[in-house]
Amino acid sequence: MKLIAESGSTRTEWALVEDNRLVQRVFTEGLNPFFQTRREISRSVRLGLPESFFRKKLEQVYFYGAGCSSFEKKNIMGASLVAQFKTPIQVESDLLAAARGLFQCEAGIACILGTGSNSCFYDGKIISKNVRAGGYILGDEGSGAALGKIFLSDVLKNLAPKELINAYYEKFRITHNEVMDSVYNHPFPNRFLTTTSYFLADFLDTDYVYNLLMNNLRSFFTRNVTQYDYGNYPIRFVGSVAHNFSEQLREVGKEFGVELDVIEETPMSGLIEFHALIIDEP
């Protein structure tokens, strides 16, 4: 039996797989070694998963996560998971999860649009080119955090429509000082910003929100996708924002001359298929 996990900054999806079939799926909070210590990650895993997961006889745990791109961060995550599962752990980035989940062993451009954003050219085996994501302050174009950041900036400066500002404050029962505090002083500000982006989904019929969303998605294409050989390879997307705004995402794709054939909420189904196709190194 294998355990495959895929984690963004907001949510982690865990899949128990036996004979390449899904046995059980569980969702817990997101894990990210950029924002959490080894002890915090271990505690989150232990408290979030059913006790039965720790009693299973696992051959291997494959963990794909946001923030797991460097050797140092992979070690933090790996040590946290070994302490809980007492079994071999393989830690890779959420970007490799997207690439493997979307393309398995074929070449293409894999894109993530969720709490954050990222992209790569995957040659069917490895990520051979990656435009740096930049994070929620310096990048993450097209993501929920980026959309939330643009909107809240307009709210604080009274540039958003008045009725939308009032609706926001009424829904979240929050003041402008608490907005600033959540962004600059509380843990996981990217999660807070993304929550704001989901609020905007209810107002897509307004010109302001529609244009905000479309320009955010165009920014992702302009600053990321166009740096790849995007005219000669398929482009596929994964992530909550890509899934929730798939219609608008396809419209933007057409503006750049591409048809988006696959948009998934998570890469898990493709990851299960990928690990059924290949024999992994322990």
Protein backbone atom coordinates (compact mmCIF):
# COMPACT_ATOMS: atom_id res chain seq x y z
CA MET A 1 0.00 0.00 0.00
CA LYS A 2 1.19 3.50 -0.91
CA LEU A 3 0.27 6.88 0.51
CA ILE A 4 0.31 9.77 -1.97
CA ALA A 5 -0.12 13.33 -0.69
CA GLU A 6 -0.38 16.58 -2.61
CA SER A 7 -0.32 19.83 -0.65
CA GLY A 8 -0.82 23.46 -1.54
CA SER A 9 -0.60 26.24 1.02
CA THR A 10 -4.29 25.87 1.90
CA ARG A 11 -5.17 22.16 1.63
CA THR A 12 -3.49 18.73 1.58
CA GLU A 13 -5.04 15.78 -0.22
CA TRP A 14 -4.01 12.31 1.01
CA ALA A 15 -4.73 9.16 -0.99
CA LEU A 16 -4.21 5.60 0.20
CA VAL A 17 -3.55 3.45 -2.86
CA GLU A 18 -3.42 -0.34 -3.06
CA ASP A 19 -2.77 -2.23 -6.30
CA ASN A 20 -2.95 1.16 -8.04
CA ARG A 21 -6.54 1.69 -6.85
CA LEU A 22 -7.73 4.47 -4.57
CA VAL A 23 -8.74 3.01 -1.19
CA GLN A 24 -9.33 6.15 0.87
CA ARG A 25 -9.02 9.90 0.38
CA VAL A 26 -8.72 12.51 3.15
CA PHE A 27 -8.27 16.28 3.13
CA THR A 28 -6.36 18.21 5.82
CA GLU A 29 -4.94 21.73 6.12
CA GLY A 30 -2.09 22.81 3.87
CA LEU A 31 1.52 22.09 4.82
CA ASN A 32 4.37 24.37 3.81
CA PRO A 33 7.93 24.28 5.25
CA PHE A 34 8.38 27.95 4.35
CA PHE A 35 5.71 28.89 6.90
CA GLN A 36 5.84 25.98 9.37
CA THR A 37 8.51 24.35 11.52
CA ARG A 38 9.19 20.63 11.56
CA ARG A 39 7.27 20.32 14.84
CA GLU A 40 4.26 22.25 13.50
CA ILE A 41 4.10 20.05 10.41
CA SER A 42 4.29 16.85 12.49
CA ARG A 43 1.53 18.08 14.78
CA SER A 44 -0.71 19.06 11.86
CA VAL A 45 -0.27 15.65 10.21
CA ARG A 46 -0.91 13.73 13.42
CA LEU A 47 -4.02 15.67 14.37
CA GLY A 48 -5.40 15.99 10.84
CA LEU A 49 -5.31 12.40 9.62
CA PRO A 50 -7.42 9.51 10.93
CA GLU A 51 -5.53 7.27 13.35
CA SER A 52 -6.00 4.36 10.93
CA PHE A 53 -3.56 5.99 8.48
CA PHE A 54 -0.72 5.51 10.95
CA ARG A 55 -1.55 1.83 11.48
CA LYS A 56 -1.39 0.91 7.79
CA LYS A 57 1.60 -1.05 6.55
CA LEU A 58 2.90 1.39 3.94
CA GLU A 59 5.54 0.59 1.34
CA GLN A 60 6.22 4.24 0.60
CA VAL A 61 4.91 7.73 1.20
CA TYR A 62 5.07 10.15 -1.73
CA PHE A 63 4.61 13.73 -0.60
CA TYR A 64 4.33 16.61 -3.08
CA GLY A 65 4.11 20.05 -1.54
CA ALA A 66 4.25 23.80 -1.92
CA GLY A 67 7.55 25.11 -0.58
CA CYS A 68 9.28 21.74 -1.14
CA SER A 69 11.62 22.78 -3.93
CA SER A 70 14.96 23.14 -2.07
CA PHE A 71 17.01 20.41 -0.40
CA GLU A 72 16.65 22.16 2.97
CA LYS A 73 12.84 22.41 2.83
CA LYS A 74 12.48 18.85 1.55
CA ASN A 75 14.49 17.68 4.55
CA ILE A 76 12.23 19.55 6.97
CA MET A 77 9.14 17.98 5.42
CA GLY A 78 10.72 14.54 5.12
CA ALA A 79 11.85 14.48 8.75
CA SER A 80 8.37 15.53 9.90
CA LEU A 81 6.70 12.75 7.90
CA VAL A 82 9.19 10.01 8.83
CA ALA A 83 8.52 10.77 12.49
CA GLN A 84 4.82 10.04 11.95
CA PHE A 85 4.75 7.18 9.42
CA LYS A 86 8.04 5.36 10.20
CA THR A 87 8.37 4.42 6.52
CA PRO A 88 10.40 5.62 3.50
CA ILE A 89 9.39 9.11 2.39
CA GLN A 90 9.89 10.77 -0.99
CA VAL A 91 9.34 14.55 -0.98
CA GLU A 92 8.93 16.54 -4.19
CA SER A 93 7.50 19.93 -5.15
CA ASP A 94 3.83 20.63 -5.85
CA LEU A 95 4.98 21.72 -9.30
CA LEU A 96 6.28 18.23 -10.09
CA ALA A 97 2.96 16.90 -8.79
CA ALA A 98 1.15 19.14 -11.27
CA ALA A 99 3.41 18.05 -14.13
CA ARG A 100 3.13 14.34 -13.37
CA GLY A 101 -0.58 14.59 -12.63
CA LEU A 102 -1.38 16.50 -15.83
CA PHE A 103 0.99 14.76 -18.26
CA GLN A 104 2.22 11.50 -16.62
CA CYS A 105 5.12 10.68 -18.97
CA GLU A 106 4.40 13.11 -21.83
CA ALA A 107 5.88 16.56 -22.46
CA GLY A 108 3.95 19.76 -21.86
CA ILE A 109 3.57 23.02 -19.95
CA ALA A 110 2.08 22.49 -16.50
CA CYS A 111 0.53 25.40 -14.63
CA ILE A 112 -0.78 25.81 -11.08
CA LEU A 113 -3.40 28.41 -10.21
CA GLY A 114 -4.49 28.04 -6.61
CA THR A 115 -3.58 29.94 -3.47
CA GLY A 116 -0.32 30.64 -5.31
CA SER A 117 0.75 30.10 -8.91
CA ASN A 118 3.62 28.39 -10.69
CA SER A 119 4.47 26.88 -14.06
CA CYS A 120 7.05 24.72 -15.78
CA PHE A 121 8.03 22.90 -18.94
CA TYR A 122 7.99 19.17 -18.21
CA ASP A 123 9.80 16.94 -20.72
CA GLY A 124 7.98 13.79 -19.66
CA LYS A 125 10.53 12.92 -16.98
CA ILE A 126 11.78 16.06 -15.28
CA ILE A 127 11.04 19.78 -15.03
CA SER A 128 13.51 21.24 -17.51
CA LYS A 129 12.42 24.88 -17.30
CA ASN A 130 10.69 26.89 -14.59
CA VAL A 131 9.79 30.58 -14.49
CA ARG A 132 10.22 31.52 -10.83
CA ALA A 133 6.91 31.83 -9.02
CA GLY A 134 7.98 34.77 -6.82
CA GLY A 135 5.51 34.09 -4.00
CA TYR A 136 2.49 36.14 -2.99
CA ILE A 137 4.52 39.36 -2.68
CA LEU A 138 6.80 39.21 -5.73
CA GLY A 139 4.76 37.00 -8.04
CA ASP A 140 1.93 34.44 -7.97
CA GLU A 141 0.17 36.16 -10.87
CA GLY A 142 -3.23 34.66 -11.62
CA SER A 143 -3.54 33.09 -8.18
CA GLY A 144 -6.17 33.53 -5.51
CA ALA A 145 -3.67 35.40 -3.33
CA ALA A 146 -2.84 37.81 -6.17
CA LEU A 147 -6.51 38.44 -6.91
CA GLY A 148 -7.23 39.03 -3.24
CA LYS A 149 -4.26 41.37 -2.91
CA ILE A 150 -5.36 43.55 -5.85
CA PHE A 151 -8.93 43.71 -4.58
CA LEU A 152 -8.01 44.55 -0.97
CA SER A 153 -5.66 47.28 -2.16
CA ASP A 154 -8.61 48.79 -4.05
CA VAL A 155 -10.81 48.40 -0.96
CA LEU A 156 -8.35 50.17 1.33
CA LYS A 157 -7.93 53.02 -1.16
CA ASN A 158 -11.69 53.24 -1.92
CA LEU A 159 -11.08 52.41 -5.59
CA ALA A 160 -13.41 49.39 -5.65
CA PRO A 161 -17.17 50.00 -6.15
CA LYS A 162 -18.76 51.20 -2.91
CA GLU A 163 -21.38 48.43 -2.86
CA LEU A 164 -18.63 45.82 -3.19
CA ILE A 165 -16.60 47.36 -0.36
CA ASN A 166 -19.66 47.35 1.89
CA ALA A 167 -20.51 43.76 0.95
CA TYR A 168 -16.96 42.66 1.77
CA TYR A 169 -16.88 44.27 5.21
CA GLU A 170 -20.36 42.98 5.98
CA LYS A 171 -19.60 39.39 4.96
CA PHE A 172 -16.29 39.06 6.82
CA ARG A 173 -17.15 41.33 9.78
CA ILE A 174 -13.71 42.87 9.52
CA THR A 175 -12.30 46.40 9.70
CA HIS A 176 -9.62 47.95 7.51
CA ASN A 177 -7.17 47.74 10.45
CA GLU A 178 -7.91 44.02 10.80
CA VAL A 179 -7.29 43.55 7.07
CA MET A 180 -3.84 45.11 7.48
CA ASP A 181 -3.19 42.97 10.56
CA SER A 182 -4.19 39.76 8.76
CA VAL A 183 -1.85 40.50 5.86
CA TYR A 184 1.17 41.75 7.76
CA ASN A 185 1.05 40.15 11.21
CA HIS A 186 -0.92 36.89 11.12
CA PRO A 187 0.33 33.47 9.91
CA PHE A 188 -0.46 32.40 6.33
CA PRO A 189 -1.39 35.79 4.83
CA ASN A 190 -1.65 34.10 1.43
CA ARG A 191 -4.55 32.00 2.73
CA PHE A 192 -6.32 35.12 3.96
CA LEU A 193 -5.88 36.80 0.58
CA THR A 194 -7.20 33.74 -1.24
CA THR A 195 -10.32 33.64 0.93
CA THR A 196 -11.03 37.14 -0.36
CA SER A 197 -10.76 35.90 -3.95
CA TYR A 198 -13.54 33.35 -3.33
CA PHE A 199 -15.76 36.20 -2.17
CA LEU A 200 -15.29 37.84 -5.58
CA ALA A 201 -16.68 34.77 -7.37
CA ASP A 202 -20.17 35.86 -6.30
CA PHE A 203 -19.75 39.18 -8.14
CA LEU A 204 -18.42 37.99 -11.50
CA ASP A 205 -21.40 39.60 -13.21
CA THR A 206 -20.02 43.07 -12.35
CA ASP A 207 -17.62 44.72 -14.78
CA TYR A 208 -15.19 45.58 -11.99
CA VAL A 209 -14.73 42.00 -10.74
CA TYR A 210 -14.78 40.45 -14.22
CA ASN A 211 -12.03 42.80 -15.42
CA LEU A 212 -10.05 42.26 -12.22
CA LEU A 213 -10.13 38.50 -12.75
CA MET A 214 -9.38 38.59 -16.48
CA ASN A 215 -6.43 40.97 -16.04
CA ASN A 216 -5.06 38.76 -13.26
CA LEU A 217 -5.23 35.69 -15.53
CA ARG A 218 -3.71 37.63 -18.45
CA SER A 219 -0.85 38.62 -16.16
CA PHE A 220 -0.13 34.94 -15.51
CA PHE A 221 0.02 34.19 -19.23
CA THR A 222 2.10 37.27 -20.05
CA ARG A 223 4.64 36.88 -17.26
CA ASN A 224 4.85 33.09 -17.20
CA VAL A 225 3.35 31.06 -20.05
CA THR A 226 4.82 33.16 -22.87
CA GLN A 227 8.35 32.39 -21.61
CA TYR A 228 7.91 28.78 -22.74
CA ASP A 229 7.53 27.35 -26.24
CA TYR A 230 3.80 27.54 -25.66
CA GLY A 231 2.80 27.33 -29.31
CA ASN A 232 4.22 23.83 -29.74
CA TYR A 233 3.23 22.04 -26.53
CA PRO A 234 -0.06 21.46 -24.71
CA ILE A 235 -0.76 23.75 -21.74
CA ARG A 236 -2.70 22.28 -18.85
CA PHE A 237 -3.82 23.73 -15.54
CA VAL A 238 -4.46 22.48 -12.04
CA GLY A 239 -5.65 24.23 -8.88
CA SER A 240 -8.73 25.65 -7.18
CA VAL A 241 -8.63 29.01 -8.99
CA ALA A 242 -8.06 27.37 -12.38
CA HIS A 243 -10.99 25.03 -11.70
CA ASN A 244 -13.38 27.65 -10.28
CA PHE A 245 -12.69 30.14 -13.07
CA SER A 246 -12.11 27.62 -15.87
CA GLU A 247 -14.45 29.39 -18.31
CA GLN A 248 -12.61 32.70 -17.94
CA LEU A 249 -9.25 30.91 -18.06
CA ARG A 250 -10.14 29.30 -21.38
CA GLU A 251 -11.17 32.72 -22.72
CA VAL A 252 -7.78 34.17 -21.80
CA GLY A 253 -6.06 31.16 -23.35
CA LYS A 254 -7.82 31.88 -26.63
CA GLU A 255 -6.56 35.47 -26.50
CA PHE A 256 -3.04 33.99 -26.52
CA GLY A 257 -3.91 31.57 -29.32
CA VAL A 258 -4.12 28.38 -27.29
CA GLU A 259 -6.87 25.88 -26.49
CA LEU A 260 -6.73 24.53 -22.94
CA ASP A 261 -7.70 20.87 -23.10
CA VAL A 262 -7.29 19.96 -19.41
CA ILE A 263 -8.12 21.97 -16.27
CA GLU A 264 -8.21 19.94 -13.04
CA GLU A 265 -8.92 20.95 -9.46
CA THR A 266 -6.22 18.63 -8.09
CA PRO A 267 -3.56 16.44 -9.74
CA MET A 268 -4.29 13.40 -7.58
CA SER A 269 -6.02 11.20 -10.18
CA GLY A 270 -3.14 11.75 -12.55
CA LEU A 271 -0.58 11.10 -9.80
CA ILE A 272 -2.17 7.77 -9.00
CA GLU A 273 -1.98 6.90 -12.70
CA PHE A 274 1.64 8.10 -12.86
CA HIS A 275 2.74 5.95 -9.90
CA ALA A 276 1.00 2.98 -11.50
CA LEU A 277 3.02 3.48 -14.68
CA ILE A 278 6.51 3.74 -13.20
CA ILE A 279 8.65 1.97 -10.65
CA ASP A 280 9.92 4.50 -8.12
CA GLU A 281 13.27 4.55 -6.47
CA PRO A 282 13.00 4.10 -2.69
